[in-house]
C-alpha atoms as a PDB file:
ATOM      1  CA  MET A   1     -16.432  18.523   7.528  1.00  0.00           C
ATOM      2  CA  SER A   2     -15.689  14.872   6.844  1.00  0.00           C
ATOM      3  CA  ARG A   3     -12.294  14.015   5.377  1.00  0.00           C
ATOM      4  CA  ALA A   4     -11.743  12.252   2.091  1.00  0.00           C
ATOM      5  CA  GLN A   5     -10.481   8.721   2.755  1.00  0.00           C
ATOM      6  CA  VAL A   6      -8.513   6.063   0.936  1.00  0.00           C
ATOM      7  CA  ARG A   7     -10.520   2.825   0.804  1.00  0.00           C
ATOM      8  CA  ALA A   8      -7.947   0.017   0.736  1.00  0.00           C
ATOM      9  CA  LEU A   9      -4.298  -0.940   0.862  1.00  0.00           C
ATOM     10  CA  ARG A  10      -3.988  -2.031  -2.752  1.00  0.00           C
ATOM     11  CA  SER A  11      -0.368  -3.059  -3.228  1.00  0.00           C
ATOM     12  CA  ILE A  12       3.217  -2.780  -2.032  1.00  0.00           C
ATOM     13  CA  ASP A  13       6.346  -2.261  -4.141  1.00  0.00           C
ATOM     14  CA  LEU A  14       9.434  -4.112  -2.959  1.00  0.00           C
ATOM     15  CA  GLY A  15      13.039  -4.262  -4.097  1.00  0.00           C
ATOM     16  CA  PHE A  16      15.311  -7.310  -3.647  1.00  0.00           C
ATOM     17  CA  SER A  17      18.992  -7.874  -4.267  1.00  0.00           C
ATOM     18  CA  ASP A  18      18.215 -11.504  -5.154  1.00  0.00           C
ATOM     19  CA  LEU A  19      15.103 -11.027  -7.330  1.00  0.00           C
ATOM     20  CA  ASP A  20      14.950 -14.619  -8.607  1.00  0.00           C
ATOM     21  CA  ASN A  21      14.875 -16.004  -5.079  1.00  0.00           C
ATOM     22  CA  ALA A  22      12.182 -13.483  -4.050  1.00  0.00           C
ATOM     23  CA  LEU A  23      10.032 -14.452  -7.038  1.00  0.00           C
ATOM     24  CA  ARG A  24      10.327 -18.125  -6.167  1.00  0.00           C
ATOM     25  CA  PHE A  25       9.387 -17.431  -2.539  1.00  0.00           C
ATOM     26  CA  PHE A  26       6.246 -15.452  -3.353  1.00  0.00           C
ATOM     27  CA  THR A  27       5.078 -17.635  -6.275  1.00  0.00           C
ATOM     28  CA  GLU A  28       6.020 -21.099  -4.959  1.00  0.00           C
ATOM     29  CA  VAL A  29       5.635 -20.778  -1.179  1.00  0.00           C
ATOM     30  CA  TRP A  30       2.822 -18.142  -1.077  1.00  0.00           C
ATOM     31  CA  LYS A  31       1.451 -19.098  -4.475  1.00  0.00           C
ATOM     32  CA  LEU A  32       0.867 -15.559  -5.663  1.00  0.00           C
ATOM     33  CA  THR A  33       0.113 -15.527  -9.382  1.00  0.00           C
ATOM     34  CA  PRO A  34       2.248 -13.558 -11.896  1.00  0.00           C
ATOM     35  CA  ALA A  35       0.090 -10.813 -13.424  1.00  0.00           C
ATOM     36  CA  GLY A  36       2.642  -9.372 -15.816  1.00  0.00           C
ATOM     37  CA  GLU A  37       6.136  -7.973 -16.097  1.00  0.00           C
ATOM     38  CA  SER A  38       7.325  -4.648 -17.516  1.00  0.00           C
ATOM     39  CA  GLY A  39      10.741  -3.036 -17.413  1.00  0.00           C
ATOM     40  CA  GLY A  40      12.018  -5.549 -14.871  1.00  0.00           C
ATOM     41  CA  VAL A  41       9.029  -5.012 -12.559  1.00  0.00           C
ATOM     42  CA  HIS A  42       7.067  -8.206 -11.739  1.00  0.00           C
ATOM     43  CA  TYR A  43       3.399  -7.920 -10.744  1.00  0.00           C
ATOM     44  CA  LEU A  44       1.980 -10.604  -8.466  1.00  0.00           C
ATOM     45  CA  ARG A  45      -1.703 -11.014  -7.651  1.00  0.00           C
ATOM     46  CA  ALA A  46      -3.651 -12.808  -4.884  1.00  0.00           C
ATOM     47  CA  THR A  47      -7.146 -14.247  -5.403  1.00  0.00           C
ATOM     48  CA  SER A  48      -9.001 -10.936  -4.912  1.00  0.00           C
ATOM     49  CA  ALA A  49      -9.896  -8.780  -7.928  1.00  0.00           C
ATOM     50  CA  PHE A  50      -6.966  -6.355  -7.425  1.00  0.00           C
ATOM     51  CA  HIS A  51      -4.673  -6.468 -10.455  1.00  0.00           C
ATOM     52  CA  HIS A  52      -1.681  -7.108  -8.167  1.00  0.00           C
ATOM     53  CA  ILE A  53      -0.814  -6.855  -4.500  1.00  0.00           C
ATOM     54  CA  LEU A  54       3.019  -6.915  -4.780  1.00  0.00           C
ATOM     55  CA  THR A  55       5.559  -5.682  -7.285  1.00  0.00           C
ATOM     56  CA  LEU A  56       9.096  -6.996  -7.155  1.00  0.00           C
ATOM     57  CA  ARG A  57      12.179  -5.578  -8.830  1.00  0.00           C
ATOM     58  CA  HIS A  58      15.938  -5.860  -8.539  1.00  0.00           C
ATOM     59  CA  MET A  59      17.659  -3.366  -6.191  1.00  0.00           C
ATOM     60  CA  ALA A  60      21.153  -3.277  -4.806  1.00  0.00           C
ATOM     61  CA  GLN A  61      19.668  -3.395  -1.283  1.00  0.00           C
ATOM     62  CA  PRO A  62      16.292  -4.803  -0.187  1.00  0.00           C
ATOM     63  CA  ALA A  63      13.810  -1.961   0.188  1.00  0.00           C
ATOM     64  CA  LEU A  64      10.203  -1.001   0.722  1.00  0.00           C
ATOM     65  CA  LEU A  65       9.739   1.210  -2.322  1.00  0.00           C
ATOM     66  CA  ARG A  66       6.110   2.311  -2.110  1.00  0.00           C
ATOM     67  CA  MET A  67       2.691   1.718  -0.542  1.00  0.00           C
ATOM     68  CA  VAL A  68      -0.270   2.078  -2.923  1.00  0.00           C
ATOM     69  CA  PHE A  69      -3.738   2.976  -1.653  1.00  0.00           C
ATOM     70  CA  ASP A  70      -6.976   2.675  -3.627  1.00  0.00           C
ATOM     71  CA  THR A  71      -9.657   5.323  -3.922  1.00  0.00           C
ATOM     72  CA  ALA A  72     -13.165   5.356  -5.308  1.00  0.00           C
ATOM     73  CA  ASP A  73     -12.747   7.897  -8.111  1.00  0.00           C
ATOM     74  CA  ALA A  74     -10.890  10.907  -9.487  1.00  0.00           C
ATOM     75  CA  ASP A  75     -12.760  13.336  -7.275  1.00  0.00           C
ATOM     76  CA  THR A  76     -11.585  11.463  -4.194  1.00  0.00           C
ATOM     77  CA  VAL A  77      -8.020  11.502  -5.546  1.00  0.00           C
ATOM     78  CA  ASP A  78      -8.263  15.300  -5.955  1.00  0.00           C
ATOM     79  CA  ALA A  79      -9.718  15.719  -2.446  1.00  0.00           C
ATOM     80  CA  LEU A  80      -6.934  13.578  -0.935  1.00  0.00           C
ATOM     81  CA  HIS A  81      -4.363  15.607  -2.830  1.00  0.00           C
ATOM     82  CA  ALA A  82      -5.797  18.783  -1.279  1.00  0.00           C
ATOM     83  CA  GLN A  83      -5.630  17.190   2.185  1.00  0.00           C
ATOM     84  CA  VAL A  84      -1.983  16.164   1.663  1.00  0.00           C
ATOM     85  CA  LEU A  85      -1.126  19.709   0.628  1.00  0.00           C
ATOM     86  CA  ALA A  86      -3.053  21.152   3.584  1.00  0.00           C
ATOM     87  CA  HIS A  87      -1.133  18.873   5.948  1.00  0.00           C
ATOM     88  CA  GLY A  88       2.008  20.675   4.987  1.00  0.00           C
ATOM     89  CA  LEU A  89       3.953  17.910   3.262  1.00  0.00           C
ATOM     90  CA  LYS A  90       6.459  19.161   0.694  1.00  0.00           C
ATOM     91  CA  THR A  91       7.301  16.268  -1.662  1.00  0.00           C
ATOM     92  CA  ILE A  92       4.049  15.870  -3.602  1.00  0.00           C
ATOM     93  CA  ASP A  93       3.316  15.107  -7.268  1.00  0.00           C
ATOM     94  CA  PRO A  94       0.254  16.717  -8.898  1.00  0.00           C
ATOM     95  CA  PRO A  95      -2.629  14.346  -9.766  1.00  0.00           C
ATOM     96  CA  GLY A  96      -2.357  13.007 -13.282  1.00  0.00           C
ATOM     97  CA  ARG A  97      -3.065  10.216 -15.689  1.00  0.00           C
ATOM     98  CA  LEU A  98      -1.353   6.914 -14.946  1.00  0.00           C
ATOM     99  CA  ARG A  99      -0.428   3.946 -17.102  1.00  0.00           C
ATOM    100  CA  GLN A 100      -2.091   0.631 -16.394  1.00  0.00           C
ATOM    101  CA  PRO A 101      -1.739  -1.493 -14.309  1.00  0.00           C
ATOM    102  CA  HIS A 102      -1.128   1.452 -11.948  1.00  0.00           C
ATOM    103  CA  GLY A 103      -4.542   2.953 -12.613  1.00  0.00           C
ATOM    104  CA  ASP A 104      -6.187   5.701 -14.626  1.00  0.00           C
ATOM    105  CA  TYR A 105      -5.471   8.629 -12.261  1.00  0.00           C
ATOM    106  CA  GLY A 106      -3.499   9.351  -9.120  1.00  0.00           C
ATOM    107  CA  PHE A 107      -0.572  11.018  -7.459  1.00  0.00           C
ATOM    108  CA  GLY A 108       2.385  10.262  -5.210  1.00  0.00           C
ATOM    109  CA  PHE A 109       3.943  11.910  -2.178  1.00  0.00           C
ATOM    110  CA  LYS A 110       6.333  11.229   0.699  1.00  0.00           C
ATOM    111  CA  ASP A 111       5.048  10.865   4.228  1.00  0.00           C
ATOM    112  CA  PRO A 112       6.831  12.673   7.129  1.00  0.00           C
ATOM    113  CA  GLU A 113       9.523  10.006   7.320  1.00  0.00           C
ATOM    114  CA  GLY A 114      10.160   9.808   3.571  1.00  0.00           C
ATOM    115  CA  ARG A 115       8.118   6.741   2.656  1.00  0.00           C
ATOM    116  CA  ASN A 116       6.707   6.821  -0.882  1.00  0.00           C
ATOM    117  CA  ILE A 117       2.888   6.709  -0.990  1.00  0.00           C
ATOM    118  CA  ALA A 118       0.737   6.465  -4.093  1.00  0.00           C
ATOM    119  CA  ILE A 119      -2.994   7.239  -4.289  1.00  0.00           C
ATOM    120  CA  VAL A 120      -4.757   5.744  -7.305  1.00  0.00           C
ATOM    121  CA  CYS A 121      -8.151   5.002  -8.849  1.00  0.00           C
ATOM    122  CA  GLY A 122      -9.411   3.260 -11.950  1.00  0.00           C
ATOM    123  CA  VAL A 123      -7.175   0.206 -12.004  1.00  0.00           C
ATOM    124  CA  LYS A 124      -8.293  -2.450 -14.487  1.00  0.00           C
ATOM    125  CA  ASP A 125      -8.742  -5.291 -12.049  1.00  0.00           C
ATOM    126  CA  HIS A 126      -9.515  -9.000 -12.631  1.00  0.00           C
ATOM    127  CA  ALA A 127     -13.019 -10.394 -13.121  1.00  0.00           C
ATOM    128  CA  ASP A 128     -12.332 -13.532 -11.066  1.00  0.00           C
ATOM    129  CA  ALA A 129     -12.041 -13.286  -7.274  1.00  0.00           C
ATOM    130  CA  ALA A 130     -12.853 -16.736  -5.894  1.00  0.00           C
ATOM    131  CA  ASP A 131     -11.100 -17.943  -2.787  1.00  0.00           C
ATOM    132  CA  ARG A 132      -8.446 -20.660  -2.993  1.00  0.00           C
ATOM    133  CA  PRO A 133      -7.669 -22.444   0.291  1.00  0.00           C
ATOM    134  CA  ASP A 134      -3.904 -22.327  -0.193  1.00  0.00           C
ATOM    135  CA  ARG A 135      -3.596 -18.747  -1.495  1.00  0.00           C
ATOM    136  CA  PRO A 136      -3.879 -15.264   0.037  1.00  0.00           C
ATOM    137  CA  ARG A 137      -6.966 -13.201  -0.727  1.00  0.00           C
ATOM    138  CA  LYS A 138      -5.269  -9.829  -0.388  1.00  0.00           C
ATOM    139  CA  LEU A 139      -2.895  -7.783   1.710  1.00  0.00           C
ATOM    140  CA  SER A 140      -4.237  -7.719   5.263  1.00  0.00           C
ATOM    141  CA  HIS A 141      -1.941  -4.914   6.431  1.00  0.00           C
ATOM    142  CA  ILE A 142       1.481  -3.437   6.410  1.00  0.00           C
ATOM    143  CA  ASN A 143       3.337  -2.772   9.657  1.00  0.00           C
ATOM    144  CA  VAL A 144       5.981  -0.048   9.531  1.00  0.00           C
ATOM    145  CA  ASN A 145       8.340   1.139  12.266  1.00  0.00           C
ATOM    146  CA  ALA A 146       8.135   4.856  12.831  1.00  0.00           C
ATOM    147  CA  GLY A 147      10.922   6.945  14.246  1.00  0.00           C
ATOM    148  CA  ASP A 148       8.359   9.747  14.701  1.00  0.00           C
ATOM    149  CA  SER A 149       5.095   7.900  15.307  1.00  0.00           C
ATOM    150  CA  GLU A 150       3.163  11.035  16.223  1.00  0.00           C
ATOM    151  CA  ALA A 151       3.935  12.852  12.940  1.00  0.00           C
ATOM    152  CA  THR A 152       3.332   9.717  10.848  1.00  0.00           C
ATOM    153  CA  PHE A 153       0.019   9.004  12.603  1.00  0.00           C
ATOM    154  CA  ALA A 154      -1.146  12.592  12.104  1.00  0.00           C
ATOM    155  CA  CYS A 155      -0.352  12.375   8.406  1.00  0.00           C
ATOM    156  CA  TYR A 156      -2.271   9.131   7.862  1.00  0.00           C
ATOM    157  CA  ARG A 157      -5.212  10.406   9.910  1.00  0.00           C
ATOM    158  CA  ASP A 158      -5.514  13.952   8.597  1.00  0.00           C
ATOM    159  CA  ALA A 159      -4.202  13.610   5.027  1.00  0.00           C
ATOM    160  CA  LEU A 160      -5.461  10.103   4.100  1.00  0.00           C
ATOM    161  CA  GLY A 161      -8.535   9.736   6.339  1.00  0.00           C
ATOM    162  CA  PHE A 162      -7.442   6.783   8.441  1.00  0.00           C
ATOM    163  CA  THR A 163      -9.068   6.182  11.815  1.00  0.00           C
ATOM    164  CA  LEU A 164      -7.404   4.765  14.939  1.00  0.00           C
ATOM    165  CA  THR A 165      -9.016   1.446  15.799  1.00  0.00           C
ATOM    166  CA  ASP A 166      -6.673   0.137  18.538  1.00  0.00           C
ATOM    167  CA  THR A 167      -3.406   0.908  20.277  1.00  0.00           C
ATOM    168  CA  THR A 168      -0.906  -0.918  22.445  1.00  0.00           C
ATOM    169  CA  ARG A 169       2.289   0.212  24.128  1.00  0.00           C
ATOM    170  CA  ARG A 170       4.175  -0.425  20.915  1.00  0.00           C
ATOM    171  CA  LEU A 171       1.659  -0.185  18.078  1.00  0.00           C
ATOM    172  CA  ARG A 172      -1.122   1.928  16.539  1.00  0.00           C
ATOM    173  CA  PHE A 173      -3.705   0.161  14.331  1.00  0.00           C
ATOM    174  CA  LEU A 174      -5.183   2.274  11.536  1.00  0.00           C
ATOM    175  CA  SER A 175      -8.291   1.529   9.450  1.00  0.00           C
ATOM    176  CA  CYS A 176      -9.625   2.872   6.168  1.00  0.00           C
ATOM    177  CA  ASN A 177     -12.521   0.430   5.599  1.00  0.00           C
ATOM    178  CA  ALA A 178     -14.421  -2.361   7.379  1.00  0.00           C
ATOM    179  CA  ASP A 179     -11.201  -4.205   8.220  1.00  0.00           C
ATOM    180  CA  HIS A 180      -9.863  -3.697  11.724  1.00  0.00           C
ATOM    181  CA  HIS A 181      -6.650  -2.220  10.306  1.00  0.00           C
ATOM    182  CA  SER A 182      -4.782  -1.822   7.034  1.00  0.00           C
ATOM    183  CA  VAL A 183      -1.703  -0.020   8.463  1.00  0.00           C
ATOM    184  CA  VAL A 184       0.084  -0.562  11.713  1.00  0.00           C
ATOM    185  CA  LEU A 185       2.563   2.024  13.030  1.00  0.00           C
ATOM    186  CA  GLY A 186       5.249   1.043  15.508  1.00  0.00           C
ATOM    187  CA  PHE A 187       6.596   3.362  18.169  1.00  0.00           C
ATOM    188  CA  THR A 188      10.208   2.241  17.872  1.00  0.00           C
ATOM    189  CA  GLY A 189      12.915   2.050  15.230  1.00  0.00           C
ATOM    190  CA  GLY A 190      13.496   4.188  12.164  1.00  0.00           C
ATOM    191  CA  ASP A 191      11.424   4.390   8.999  1.00  0.00           C
ATOM    192  CA  THR A 192      11.760   0.664   8.320  1.00  0.00           C
ATOM    193  CA  LEU A 193       9.424  -2.171   7.353  1.00  0.00           C
ATOM    194  CA  ASN A 194       8.386  -4.455  10.178  1.00  0.00           C
ATOM    195  CA  HIS A 195       6.217  -6.912   8.196  1.00  0.00           C
ATOM    196  CA  ILE A 196       3.585  -7.427   5.544  1.00  0.00           C
ATOM    197  CA  ALA A 197       0.555  -9.627   6.308  1.00  0.00           C
ATOM    198  CA  PHE A 198      -1.643 -11.565   3.890  1.00  0.00           C
ATOM    199  CA  GLU A 199      -5.297 -12.388   4.506  1.00  0.00           C
ATOM    200  CA  MET A 200      -6.167 -16.064   4.034  1.00  0.00           C
ATOM    201  CA  PRO A 201      -9.715 -17.499   3.509  1.00  0.00           C
ATOM    202  CA  ASP A 202      -9.780 -19.156   6.951  1.00  0.00           C
END
């Protein structure tokens, strides 16, 4: 049987101790566009249709708070939820209705190293998606260090439907669509963020 699969890395939630400086960096240097603010959470979009690709909020310490993956529909959300349960993970929310701009339906869980993952569908995205030469199109990928790369890889493969597209001595490259990779897993370090990459038009 084929596995249900997420179809894109939609957005990443980040916390910063100096929120004002982080907002200036992403809006003035990277030229991401503010797409709203609610409860101290700032939503920033690129030029693709996705409502936002980053959220920023104030935290006592800088942190990767969550990775959000997009799915085609509610049936796929439910199928992915079943796969996450079957994989044996313990910290899992049931699928339910979400509040925009997070989507219409989805659920969250923690991967084997405790990272927060959200699976969503039905986000009310933007109608305009034209390239701008000085602005990112979307998130290209997220690279995370994995203290237990084998367990994390198995989770993303078996529970979320990722495929292994390439590997080096230090990295695994995982794909969920036509892109070469959307997630990169390192073999060293704890459960920390290595980097986030943006895709540019050229």
